Each structure stands twice: as C-alpha cells, then as structure tokens.
Amino acid sequence: MPADARVYLTQPRLEVLSVNFHPPAWRCALETVGVERIVYGSDYPLPIGSMERGIALIDALDITPRQREMIYSGTAVRLLR
C-alpha cells in the first residue's frame, strides 16, 4: 500500500456520495477528489437532515453552475450508463 492515500483518492473508480451539512467537509471533498467524483445523496428515508438545507449548502458553494449540475445529477448519470 502506498504511503500517500491520495493515490487511492484519485483512482478512476472512486466516487463520493455526499450527504453532509458542513461546508469545510464539502471544500475538502471538492479539493481532494474533484467535483467530477461527487454525487449528492440524501440518505432518504433516514432523517439525518433536510434536503432543503443540503441543497442550500450546495447552492452556496463557490463552484460553477456546471459543477453544481455534476453534483446534483451529472456524475450519477455518467455512473449509471
């Protein structure tokens, strides 16, 4: 196993499902694996937080509309083809 975990975090098969409400965690995920590997998840039907709050947080991220679309659906569509 390589000493640097980033080797694994940049492999083509890694995708990150994210349902969190902590802006620093989002920034860490974006910087570590990139927006093209993140899929927004709600963990529905488990009531861990509101979808509205999660969407508001993503909408407030300093990313482009295209990157936001990738988080909401583009990456999932790519994975499910």
Protein backbone atom coordinates (compact mmCIF):
# COMPACT_ATOMS: atom_id res chain seq x y z
CA MET A 1 0.00 0.00 0.00
CA PRO A 2 1.45 3.38 -0.98
CA ALA A 3 2.10 5.75 1.90
CA ASP A 4 0.05 8.55 0.34
CA ALA A 5 -3.73 7.98 0.47
CA ARG A 6 -4.18 10.43 -2.43
CA VAL A 7 -3.10 7.61 -4.73
CA TYR A 8 -6.37 5.84 -3.91
CA LEU A 9 -8.47 9.00 -3.84
CA THR A 10 -7.61 9.77 -7.46
CA GLN A 11 -8.33 6.32 -8.89
CA PRO A 12 -10.97 6.28 -11.66
CA ARG A 13 -13.37 4.04 -9.74
CA LEU A 14 -13.74 6.20 -6.65
CA GLU A 15 -16.93 8.21 -6.35
CA VAL A 16 -18.06 10.13 -3.28
CA LEU A 17 -21.69 10.18 -2.20
CA SER A 18 -22.17 13.19 -0.05
CA VAL A 19 -24.88 13.97 2.43
CA ASN A 20 -23.30 16.41 4.81
CA PHE A 21 -24.10 19.84 6.13
CA HIS A 22 -20.60 21.04 6.94
CA PRO A 23 -19.12 23.49 4.38
CA PRO A 24 -15.48 22.63 5.26
CA ALA A 25 -16.23 18.95 4.54
CA TRP A 26 -17.58 19.91 1.13
CA ARG A 27 -14.50 22.00 0.38
CA CYS A 28 -12.27 19.11 1.46
CA ALA A 29 -14.11 16.67 -0.83
CA LEU A 30 -14.00 19.09 -3.76
CA GLU A 31 -10.28 19.72 -3.29
CA THR A 32 -9.41 16.08 -2.66
CA VAL A 33 -11.37 14.11 -5.25
CA GLY A 34 -12.81 16.80 -7.53
CA VAL A 35 -16.38 17.69 -8.42
CA GLU A 36 -16.50 15.05 -11.17
CA ARG A 37 -16.44 12.32 -8.50
CA ILE A 38 -19.07 13.68 -6.13
CA VAL A 39 -22.76 12.73 -6.15
CA TYR A 40 -25.25 14.46 -3.88
CA GLY A 41 -27.08 12.00 -1.67
CA SER A 42 -29.91 12.49 0.77
CA ASP A 43 -29.81 9.17 2.68
CA TYR A 44 -33.58 9.15 2.23
CA PRO A 45 -35.61 7.86 4.06
CA LEU A 46 -33.30 8.26 7.06
CA PRO A 47 -33.99 11.64 8.69
CA ILE A 48 -30.43 12.89 9.19
CA GLY A 49 -31.15 16.37 7.89
CA SER A 50 -33.31 18.27 5.49
CA MET A 51 -32.80 18.05 1.74
CA GLU A 52 -33.56 21.77 1.56
CA ARG A 53 -30.63 22.50 3.87
CA GLY A 54 -28.31 20.28 1.81
CA ILE A 55 -29.39 21.91 -1.44
CA ALA A 56 -28.94 25.39 0.05
CA LEU A 57 -25.42 24.45 1.12
CA ILE A 58 -24.50 23.16 -2.36
CA ASP A 59 -26.03 26.24 -3.97
CA ALA A 60 -23.82 28.41 -1.73
CA LEU A 61 -20.58 26.62 -2.69
CA ASP A 62 -18.08 28.62 -4.75
CA ILE A 63 -18.43 26.42 -7.85
CA THR A 64 -19.71 26.93 -11.39
CA PRO A 65 -23.28 26.08 -12.46
CA ARG A 66 -21.84 23.18 -14.48
CA GLN A 67 -20.04 21.81 -11.41
CA ARG A 68 -23.23 22.14 -9.38
CA GLU A 69 -25.12 20.20 -12.05
CA MET A 70 -22.49 17.46 -11.88
CA ILE A 71 -23.06 17.11 -8.11
CA TYR A 72 -26.85 17.07 -8.44
CA SER A 73 -27.14 14.70 -11.39
CA GLY A 74 -24.37 14.69 -13.99
CA THR A 75 -22.00 12.36 -12.17
CA ALA A 76 -24.83 9.95 -11.29
CA VAL A 77 -25.99 9.86 -14.92
CA ARG A 78 -22.43 9.11 -16.04
CA LEU A 79 -22.06 6.32 -13.48
CA LEU A 80 -25.36 4.67 -14.32
CA ARG A 81 -24.82 4.46 -18.07
